[in-house]
Amino acid sequence: NAGREGALVVEEVKKRKGNEGYDVANDEYTDLVKAGIVDPTKVTRSALQNAASIAGLLLTTEALVTEIPEKEKTPPMPPGGMGGMDY
């Protein structure tokens, strides 16, 4: 919603006809096709379906298992007094 009240933007877009929608970059309502703002339906639909699928999965899962990342150990320092170390 780009800092605007999402519900108000949605209500205003519902009132409009055709391709009119909210242009966030210019903070105005305009014909989105004429403005060159095109969102492929398949991309939007896929994103919403995947988000709903994951949300449903999390709501019906009683427990989640994750791996705790292990900290990488630093390599040991070589012992002193080895040849070639007298700079």
PDB file of N, CA and C in Angstrom:
ATOM      1  N   ASN A   1       0.809  -1.198   0.000  1.00  0.00           N
ATOM      2  CA  ASN A   1       0.000   0.000   0.000  1.00  0.00           C
ATOM      3  C   ASN A   1       0.850   1.258   0.000  1.00  0.00           C
ATOM      4  N   ALA A   2       2.167   1.105   0.014  1.00  0.00           N
ATOM      5  CA  ALA A   2       3.101   2.224  -0.143  1.00  0.00           C
ATOM      6  C   ALA A   2       2.868   3.348   0.866  1.00  0.00           C
ATOM      7  N   GLY A   3       2.562   2.999   2.090  1.00  0.00           N
ATOM      8  CA  GLY A   3       2.363   4.008   3.112  1.00  0.00           C
ATOM      9  C   GLY A   3       0.961   4.579   3.178  1.00  0.00           C
ATOM     10  N   ARG A   4       0.101   4.164   2.284  1.00  0.00           N
ATOM     11  CA  ARG A   4      -1.286   4.627   2.305  1.00  0.00           C
ATOM     12  C   ARG A   4      -2.135   3.578   2.998  1.00  0.00           C
ATOM     13  N   GLU A   5      -3.283   3.971   3.474  1.00  0.00           N
ATOM     14  CA  GLU A   5      -4.212   3.041   4.114  1.00  0.00           C
ATOM     15  C   GLU A   5      -4.755   2.095   3.055  1.00  0.00           C
ATOM     16  N   GLY A   6      -4.385   0.812   3.157  1.00  0.00           N
ATOM     17  CA  GLY A   6      -4.739  -0.179   2.146  1.00  0.00           C
ATOM     18  C   GLY A   6      -6.225  -0.299   1.883  1.00  0.00           C
ATOM     19  N   ALA A   7      -7.031  -0.280   2.942  1.00  0.00           N
ATOM     20  CA  ALA A   7      -8.476  -0.427   2.784  1.00  0.00           C
ATOM     21  C   ALA A   7      -9.068   0.738   1.989  1.00  0.00           C
ATOM     22  N   LEU A   8      -8.542   1.936   2.196  1.00  0.00           N
ATOM     23  CA  LEU A   8      -9.053   3.099   1.462  1.00  0.00           C
ATOM     24  C   LEU A   8      -8.699   3.009  -0.019  1.00  0.00           C
ATOM     25  N   VAL A   9      -7.490   2.550  -0.313  1.00  0.00           N
ATOM     26  CA  VAL A   9      -7.075   2.397  -1.710  1.00  0.00           C
ATOM     27  C   VAL A   9      -7.947   1.353  -2.394  1.00  0.00           C
ATOM     28  N   VAL A  10      -8.192   0.238  -1.725  1.00  0.00           N
ATOM     29  CA  VAL A  10      -9.021  -0.827  -2.304  1.00  0.00           C
ATOM     30  C   VAL A  10     -10.427  -0.321  -2.579  1.00  0.00           C
ATOM     31  N   GLU A  11     -11.012   0.399  -1.647  1.00  0.00           N
ATOM     32  CA  GLU A  11     -12.370   0.925  -1.839  1.00  0.00           C
ATOM     33  C   GLU A  11     -12.424   1.892  -3.018  1.00  0.00           C
ATOM     34  N   GLU A  12     -11.408   2.731  -3.150  1.00  0.00           N
ATOM     35  CA  GLU A  12     -11.382   3.682  -4.263  1.00  0.00           C
ATOM     36  C   GLU A  12     -11.234   2.951  -5.596  1.00  0.00           C
ATOM     37  N   VAL A  13     -10.393   1.916  -5.635  1.00  0.00           N
ATOM     38  CA  VAL A  13     -10.204   1.148  -6.869  1.00  0.00           C
ATOM     39  C   VAL A  13     -11.488   0.413  -7.238  1.00  0.00           C
ATOM     40  N   LYS A  14     -12.223  -0.084  -6.236  1.00  0.00           N
ATOM     41  CA  LYS A  14     -13.500  -0.774  -6.498  1.00  0.00           C
ATOM     42  C   LYS A  14     -14.506   0.150  -7.185  1.00  0.00           C
ATOM     43  N   LYS A  15     -14.479   1.428  -6.849  1.00  0.00           N
ATOM     44  CA  LYS A  15     -15.421   2.394  -7.415  1.00  0.00           C
ATOM     45  C   LYS A  15     -15.122   2.694  -8.885  1.00  0.00           C
ATOM     46  N   ARG A  16     -13.900   2.495  -9.287  1.00  0.00           N
ATOM     47  CA  ARG A  16     -13.478   2.869 -10.637  1.00  0.00           C
ATOM     48  C   ARG A  16     -13.793   1.767 -11.638  1.00  0.00           C
ATOM     49  N   LYS A  17     -13.838   2.120 -12.885  1.00  0.00           N
ATOM     50  CA  LYS A  17     -14.202   1.185 -13.959  1.00  0.00           C
ATOM     51  C   LYS A  17     -12.989   0.848 -14.808  1.00  0.00           C
ATOM     52  N   GLY A  18     -13.074  -0.258 -15.513  1.00  0.00           N
ATOM     53  CA  GLY A  18     -12.059  -0.627 -16.501  1.00  0.00           C
ATOM     54  C   GLY A  18     -10.689  -0.876 -15.915  1.00  0.00           C
ATOM     55  N   ASN A  19      -9.697  -0.248 -16.525  1.00  0.00           N
ATOM     56  CA  ASN A  19      -8.304  -0.478 -16.158  1.00  0.00           C
ATOM     57  C   ASN A  19      -7.772   0.508 -15.130  1.00  0.00           C
ATOM     58  N   GLU A  20      -8.658   1.296 -14.541  1.00  0.00           N
ATOM     59  CA  GLU A  20      -8.196   2.301 -13.597  1.00  0.00           C
ATOM     60  C   GLU A  20      -7.781   1.659 -12.286  1.00  0.00           C
ATOM     61  N   GLY A  21      -6.671   2.147 -11.748  1.00  0.00           N
ATOM     62  CA  GLY A  21      -6.151   1.642 -10.487  1.00  0.00           C
ATOM     63  C   GLY A  21      -5.229   2.662  -9.865  1.00  0.00           C
ATOM     64  N   TYR A  22      -4.537   2.247  -8.833  1.00  0.00           N
ATOM     65  CA  TYR A  22      -3.674   3.152  -8.078  1.00  0.00           C
ATOM     66  C   TYR A  22      -2.228   3.032  -8.554  1.00  0.00           C
ATOM     67  N   ASP A  23      -1.653   4.138  -8.992  1.00  0.00           N
ATOM     68  CA  ASP A  23      -0.253   4.214  -9.408  1.00  0.00           C
ATOM     69  C   ASP A  23       0.554   4.688  -8.201  1.00  0.00           C
ATOM     70  N   VAL A  24       1.271   3.763  -7.578  1.00  0.00           N
ATOM     71  CA  VAL A  24       2.012   4.071  -6.359  1.00  0.00           C
ATOM     72  C   VAL A  24       3.130   5.074  -6.627  1.00  0.00           C
ATOM     73  N   ALA A  25       3.836   4.912  -7.735  1.00  0.00           N
ATOM     74  CA  ALA A  25       4.982   5.776  -8.028  1.00  0.00           C
ATOM     75  C   ALA A  25       4.586   7.247  -8.123  1.00  0.00           C
ATOM     76  N   ASN A  26       3.408   7.521  -8.678  1.00  0.00           N
ATOM     77  CA  ASN A  26       2.954   8.908  -8.841  1.00  0.00           C
ATOM     78  C   ASN A  26       1.886   9.304  -7.830  1.00  0.00           C
ATOM     79  N   ASP A  27       1.511   8.369  -6.952  1.00  0.00           N
ATOM     80  CA  ASP A  27       0.502   8.613  -5.919  1.00  0.00           C
ATOM     81  C   ASP A  27      -0.787   9.175  -6.510  1.00  0.00           C
ATOM     82  N   GLU A  28      -1.302   8.464  -7.546  1.00  0.00           N
ATOM     83  CA  GLU A  28      -2.543   8.900  -8.183  1.00  0.00           C
ATOM     84  C   GLU A  28      -3.290   7.700  -8.755  1.00  0.00           C
ATOM     85  N   TYR A  29      -4.575   7.893  -9.000  1.00  0.00           N
ATOM     86  CA  TYR A  29      -5.398   6.880  -9.649  1.00  0.00           C
ATOM     87  C   TYR A  29      -5.404   7.193 -11.138  1.00  0.00           C
ATOM     88  N   THR A  30      -5.117   6.185 -11.954  1.00  0.00           N
ATOM     89  CA  THR A  30      -4.999   6.412 -13.390  1.00  0.00           C
ATOM     90  C   THR A  30      -5.328   5.134 -14.150  1.00  0.00           C
ATOM     91  N   ASP A  31      -5.433   5.247 -15.468  1.00  0.00           N
ATOM     92  CA  ASP A  31      -5.605   4.068 -16.317  1.00  0.00           C
ATOM     93  C   ASP A  31      -4.253   3.358 -16.347  1.00  0.00           C
ATOM     94  N   LEU A  32      -4.175   2.208 -15.717  1.00  0.00           N
ATOM     95  CA  LEU A  32      -2.902   1.523 -15.556  1.00  0.00           C
ATOM     96  C   LEU A  32      -2.321   1.029 -16.875  1.00  0.00           C
ATOM     97  N   VAL A  33      -3.168   0.643 -17.818  1.00  0.00           N
ATOM     98  CA  VAL A  33      -2.676   0.166 -19.112  1.00  0.00           C
ATOM     99  C   VAL A  33      -2.037   1.318 -19.880  1.00  0.00           C
ATOM    100  N   LYS A  34      -2.711   2.466 -19.906  1.00  0.00           N
ATOM    101  CA  LYS A  34      -2.153   3.638 -20.596  1.00  0.00           C
ATOM    102  C   LYS A  34      -0.861   4.109 -19.931  1.00  0.00           C
ATOM    103  N   ALA A  35      -0.766   3.929 -18.623  1.00  0.00           N
ATOM    104  CA  ALA A  35       0.434   4.341 -17.893  1.00  0.00           C
ATOM    105  C   ALA A  35       1.559   3.317 -18.038  1.00  0.00           C
ATOM    106  N   GLY A  36       1.261   2.175 -18.663  1.00  0.00           N
ATOM    107  CA  GLY A  36       2.283   1.150 -18.866  1.00  0.00           C
ATOM    108  C   GLY A  36       2.502   0.257 -17.664  1.00  0.00           C
ATOM    109  N   ILE A  37       1.549   0.249 -16.752  1.00  0.00           N
ATOM    110  CA  ILE A  37       1.652  -0.591 -15.561  1.00  0.00           C
ATOM    111  C   ILE A  37       0.808  -1.831 -15.803  1.00  0.00           C
ATOM    112  N   VAL A  38       1.481  -2.920 -16.159  1.00  0.00           N
ATOM    113  CA  VAL A  38       0.776  -4.153 -16.498  1.00  0.00           C
ATOM    114  C   VAL A  38       1.306  -5.265 -15.606  1.00  0.00           C
ATOM    115  N   ASP A  39       0.421  -5.939 -14.918  1.00  0.00           N
ATOM    116  CA  ASP A  39       0.784  -7.050 -14.045  1.00  0.00           C
ATOM    117  C   ASP A  39       0.162  -8.306 -14.625  1.00  0.00           C
ATOM    118  N   PRO A  40       0.971  -9.229 -15.136  1.00  0.00           N
ATOM    119  CA  PRO A  40       0.404 -10.438 -15.727  1.00  0.00           C
ATOM    120  C   PRO A  40      -0.461 -11.195 -14.718  1.00  0.00           C
ATOM    121  N   THR A  41      -1.642 -11.562 -15.138  1.00  0.00           N
ATOM    122  CA  THR A  41      -2.584 -12.244 -14.258  1.00  0.00           C
ATOM    123  C   THR A  41      -2.016 -13.541 -13.717  1.00  0.00           C
ATOM    124  N   LYS A  42      -1.315 -14.285 -14.553  1.00  0.00           N
ATOM    125  CA  LYS A  42      -0.785 -15.574 -14.114  1.00  0.00           C
ATOM    126  C   LYS A  42       0.213 -15.399 -12.969  1.00  0.00           C
ATOM    127  N   VAL A  43       1.040 -14.375 -13.027  1.00  0.00           N
ATOM    128  CA  VAL A  43       2.024 -14.134 -11.975  1.00  0.00           C
ATOM    129  C   VAL A  43       1.317 -13.806 -10.662  1.00  0.00           C
ATOM    130  N   THR A  44       0.349 -12.912 -10.732  1.00  0.00           N
ATOM    131  CA  THR A  44      -0.393 -12.532  -9.531  1.00  0.00           C
ATOM    132  C   THR A  44      -1.149 -13.718  -8.957  1.00  0.00           C
ATOM    133  N   ARG A  45      -1.815 -14.470  -9.820  1.00  0.00           N
ATOM    134  CA  ARG A  45      -2.577 -15.632  -9.368  1.00  0.00           C
ATOM    135  C   ARG A  45      -1.659 -16.661  -8.720  1.00  0.00           C
ATOM    136  N   SER A  46      -0.525 -16.926  -9.330  1.00  0.00           N
ATOM    137  CA  SER A  46       0.423 -17.898  -8.777  1.00  0.00           C
ATOM    138  C   SER A  46       0.945 -17.446  -7.417  1.00  0.00           C
ATOM    139  N   ALA A  47       1.259 -16.171  -7.290  1.00  0.00           N
ATOM    140  CA  ALA A  47       1.759 -15.651  -6.016  1.00  0.00           C
ATOM    141  C   ALA A  47       0.710 -15.794  -4.921  1.00  0.00           C
ATOM    142  N   LEU A  48      -0.535 -15.464  -5.241  1.00  0.00           N
ATOM    143  CA  LEU A  48      -1.603 -15.588  -4.247  1.00  0.00           C
ATOM    144  C   LEU A  48      -1.868 -17.043  -3.881  1.00  0.00           C
ATOM    145  N   GLN A  49      -1.863 -17.936  -4.874  1.00  0.00           N
ATOM    146  CA  GLN A  49      -2.083 -19.352  -4.600  1.00  0.00           C
ATOM    147  C   GLN A  49      -0.977 -19.916  -3.718  1.00  0.00           C
ATOM    148  N   ASN A  50       0.264 -19.581  -4.022  1.00  0.00           N
ATOM    149  CA  ASN A  50       1.377 -20.086  -3.222  1.00  0.00           C
ATOM    150  C   ASN A  50       1.342 -19.536  -1.802  1.00  0.00           C
ATOM    151  N   ALA A  51       1.026 -18.261  -1.659  1.00  0.00           N
ATOM    152  CA  ALA A  51       0.943 -17.663  -0.326  1.00  0.00           C
ATOM    153  C   ALA A  51      -0.167 -18.308   0.491  1.00  0.00           C
ATOM    154  N   ALA A  52      -1.317 -18.538  -0.130  1.00  0.00           N
ATOM    155  CA  ALA A  52      -2.432 -19.181   0.572  1.00  0.00           C
ATOM    156  C   ALA A  52      -2.089 -20.617   0.935  1.00  0.00           C
ATOM    157  N   SER A  53      -1.399 -21.305   0.054  1.00  0.00           N
ATOM    158  CA  SER A  53      -1.012 -22.686   0.316  1.00  0.00           C
ATOM    159  C   SER A  53      -0.075 -22.769   1.516  1.00  0.00           C
ATOM    160  N   ILE A  54       0.915 -21.896   1.556  1.00  0.00           N
ATOM    161  CA  ILE A  54       1.867 -21.901   2.670  1.00  0.00           C
ATOM    162  C   ILE A  54       1.177 -21.494   3.965  1.00  0.00           C
ATOM    163  N   ALA A  55       0.305 -20.495   3.904  1.00  0.00           N
ATOM    164  CA  ALA A  55      -0.421 -20.064   5.100  1.00  0.00           C
ATOM    165  C   ALA A  55      -1.283 -21.196   5.634  1.00  0.00           C
ATOM    166  N   GLY A  56      -1.970 -21.901   4.744  1.00  0.00           N
ATOM    167  CA  GLY A  56      -2.788 -23.036   5.165  1.00  0.00           C
ATOM    168  C   GLY A  56      -1.958 -24.140   5.777  1.00  0.00           C
ATOM    169  N   LEU A  57      -0.802 -24.382   5.203  1.00  0.00           N
ATOM    170  CA  LEU A  57       0.091 -25.407   5.730  1.00  0.00           C
ATOM    171  C   LEU A  57       0.558 -25.048   7.134  1.00  0.00           C
ATOM    172  N   LEU A  58       0.929 -23.795   7.346  1.00  0.00           N
ATOM    173  CA  LEU A  58       1.389 -23.373   8.667  1.00  0.00           C
ATOM    174  C   LEU A  58       0.266 -23.400   9.700  1.00  0.00           C
ATOM    175  N   LEU A  59      -0.952 -23.082   9.268  1.00  0.00           N
ATOM    176  CA  LEU A  59      -2.075 -23.087  10.203  1.00  0.00           C
ATOM    177  C   LEU A  59      -2.450 -24.493  10.650  1.00  0.00           C
ATOM    178  N   THR A  60      -2.236 -25.478   9.791  1.00  0.00           N
ATOM    179  CA  THR A  60      -2.622 -26.849  10.137  1.00  0.00           C
ATOM    180  C   THR A  60      -1.460 -27.670  10.685  1.00  0.00           C
ATOM    181  N   THR A  61      -0.271 -27.091  10.741  1.00  0.00           N
ATOM    182  CA  THR A  61       0.893 -27.803  11.265  1.00  0.00           C
ATOM    183  C   THR A  61       0.974 -27.589  12.765  1.00  0.00           C
ATOM    184  N   GLU A  62       1.162 -28.691  13.494  1.00  0.00           N
ATOM    185  CA  GLU A  62       1.253 -28.574  14.945  1.00  0.00           C
ATOM    186  C   GLU A  62       2.669 -28.277  15.413  1.00  0.00           C
ATOM    187  N   ALA A  63       3.654 -28.620  14.601  1.00  0.00           N
ATOM    188  CA  ALA A  63       5.042 -28.359  14.975  1.00  0.00           C
ATOM    189  C   ALA A  63       5.876 -28.159  13.717  1.00  0.00           C
ATOM    190  N   LEU A  64       6.872 -27.321  13.822  1.00  0.00           N
ATOM    191  CA  LEU A  64       7.807 -27.104  12.724  1.00  0.00           C
ATOM    192  C   LEU A  64       9.195 -27.522  13.184  1.00  0.00           C
ATOM    193  N   VAL A  65       9.946 -28.140  12.295  1.00  0.00           N
ATOM    194  CA  VAL A  65      11.306 -28.558  12.605  1.00  0.00           C
ATOM    195  C   VAL A  65      12.250 -27.755  11.725  1.00  0.00           C
ATOM    196  N   THR A  66      13.213 -27.123  12.344  1.00  0.00           N
ATOM    197  CA  THR A  66      14.206 -26.368  11.586  1.00  0.00           C
ATOM    198  C   THR A  66      15.596 -26.780  12.028  1.00  0.00           C
ATOM    199  N   GLU A  67      16.568 -26.459  11.219  1.00  0.00           N
ATOM    200  CA  GLU A  67      17.952 -26.725  11.578  1.00  0.00           C
ATOM    201  C   GLU A  67      18.568 -25.457  12.142  1.00  0.00           C
ATOM    202  N   ILE A  68      19.289 -25.612  13.240  1.00  0.00           N
ATOM    203  CA  ILE A  68      20.001 -24.478  13.812  1.00  0.00           C
ATOM    204  C   ILE A  68      21.362 -24.422  13.126  1.00  0.00           C
ATOM    205  N   PRO A  69      21.677 -23.312  12.494  1.00  0.00           N
ATOM    206  CA  PRO A  69      22.962 -23.245  11.789  1.00  0.00           C
ATOM    207  C   PRO A  69      24.129 -23.325  12.771  1.00  0.00           C
ATOM    208  N   GLU A  70      25.129 -24.114  12.400  1.00  0.00           N
ATOM    209  CA  GLU A  70      26.315 -24.241  13.240  1.00  0.00           C
ATOM    210  C   GLU A  70      27.309 -23.155  12.868  1.00  0.00           C
ATOM    211  N   LYS A  71      27.958 -22.594  13.882  1.00  0.00           N
ATOM    212  CA  LYS A  71      28.972 -21.583  13.627  1.00  0.00           C
ATOM    213  C   LYS A  71      30.212 -22.278  13.077  1.00  0.00           C
ATOM    214  N   GLU A  72      30.789 -21.687  12.043  1.00  0.00           N
ATOM    215  CA  GLU A  72      31.993 -22.263  11.459  1.00  0.00           C
ATOM    216  C   GLU A  72      33.171 -22.023  12.399  1.00  0.00           C
ATOM    217  N   LYS A  73      33.929 -23.086  12.618  1.00  0.00           N
ATOM    218  CA  LYS A  73      35.097 -22.973  13.487  1.00  0.00           C
ATOM    219  C   LYS A  73      36.246 -22.370  12.685  1.00  0.00           C
ATOM    220  N   THR A  74      37.013 -21.502  13.341  1.00  0.00           N
ATOM    221  CA  THR A  74      38.172 -20.920  12.663  1.00  0.00           C
ATOM    222  C   THR A  74      39.285 -21.952  12.625  1.00  0.00           C
ATOM    223  N   PRO A  75      40.073 -21.965  11.560  1.00  0.00           N
ATOM    224  CA  PRO A  75      41.151 -22.950  11.480  1.00  0.00           C
ATOM    225  C   PRO A  75      42.219 -22.653  12.531  1.00  0.00           C
ATOM    226  N   PRO A  76      42.858 -23.692  13.068  1.00  0.00           N
ATOM    227  CA  PRO A  76      43.884 -23.464  14.098  1.00  0.00           C
ATOM    228  C   PRO A  76      45.106 -22.777  13.493  1.00  0.00           C
ATOM    229  N   MET A  77      45.779 -21.993  14.302  1.00  0.00           N
ATOM    230  CA  MET A  77      46.992 -21.307  13.863  1.00  0.00           C
ATOM    231  C   MET A  77      48.134 -22.313  13.792  1.00  0.00           C
ATOM    232  N   PRO A  78      49.019 -22.171  12.807  1.00  0.00           N
ATOM    233  CA  PRO A  78      50.153 -23.092  12.733  1.00  0.00           C
ATOM    234  C   PRO A  78      51.125 -22.823  13.882  1.00  0.00           C
ATOM    235  N   PRO A  79      51.831 -23.848  14.314  1.00  0.00           N
ATOM    236  CA  PRO A  79      52.784 -23.646  15.418  1.00  0.00           C
ATOM    237  C   PRO A  79      53.925 -22.737  14.976  1.00  0.00           C
ATOM    238  N   GLY A  80      54.475 -21.981  15.905  1.00  0.00           N
ATOM    239  CA  GLY A  80      55.572 -21.075  15.601  1.00  0.00           C
ATOM    240  C   GLY A  80      56.882 -21.820  15.391  1.00  0.00           C
ATOM    241  N   GLY A  81      57.861 -21.127  14.865  1.00  0.00           N
ATOM    242  CA  GLY A  81      59.181 -21.706  14.691  1.00  0.00           C
ATOM    243  C   GLY A  81      59.329 -22.562  13.454  1.00  0.00           C
ATOM    244  N   MET A  82      58.382 -22.530  12.570  1.00  0.00           N
ATOM    245  CA  MET A  82      58.496 -23.323  11.353  1.00  0.00           C
ATOM    246  C   MET A  82      59.340 -22.550  10.347  1.00  0.00           C
ATOM    247  N   GLY A  83      59.965 -23.244   9.462  1.00  0.00           N
ATOM    248  CA  GLY A  83      60.812 -22.621   8.468  1.00  0.00           C
ATOM    249  C   GLY A  83      60.050 -21.660   7.577  1.00  0.00           C
ATOM    250  N   GLY A  84      60.725 -20.596   7.134  1.00  0.00           N
ATOM    251  CA  GLY A  84      60.111 -19.628   6.243  1.00  0.00           C
ATOM    252  C   GLY A  84      59.242 -18.619   6.947  1.00  0.00           C
ATOM    253  N   MET A  85      59.306 -18.555   8.278  1.00  0.00           N
ATOM    254  CA  MET A  85      58.454 -17.645   9.038  1.00  0.00           C
ATOM    255  C   MET A  85      59.243 -16.494   9.657  1.00  0.00           C
ATOM    256  N   ASP A  86      60.461 -16.279   9.222  1.00  0.00           N
ATOM    257  CA  ASP A  86      61.305 -15.276   9.862  1.00  0.00           C
ATOM    258  C   ASP A  86      61.390 -13.988   9.039  1.00  0.00           C
ATOM    259  N   TYR A  87      60.277 -13.367   8.749  1.00  0.00           N
ATOM    260  CA  TYR A  87      60.278 -12.133   7.962  1.00  0.00           C
ATOM    261  C   TYR A  87      60.484 -10.940   8.835  1.00  0.00           C
TER     262      TYR A  87
END
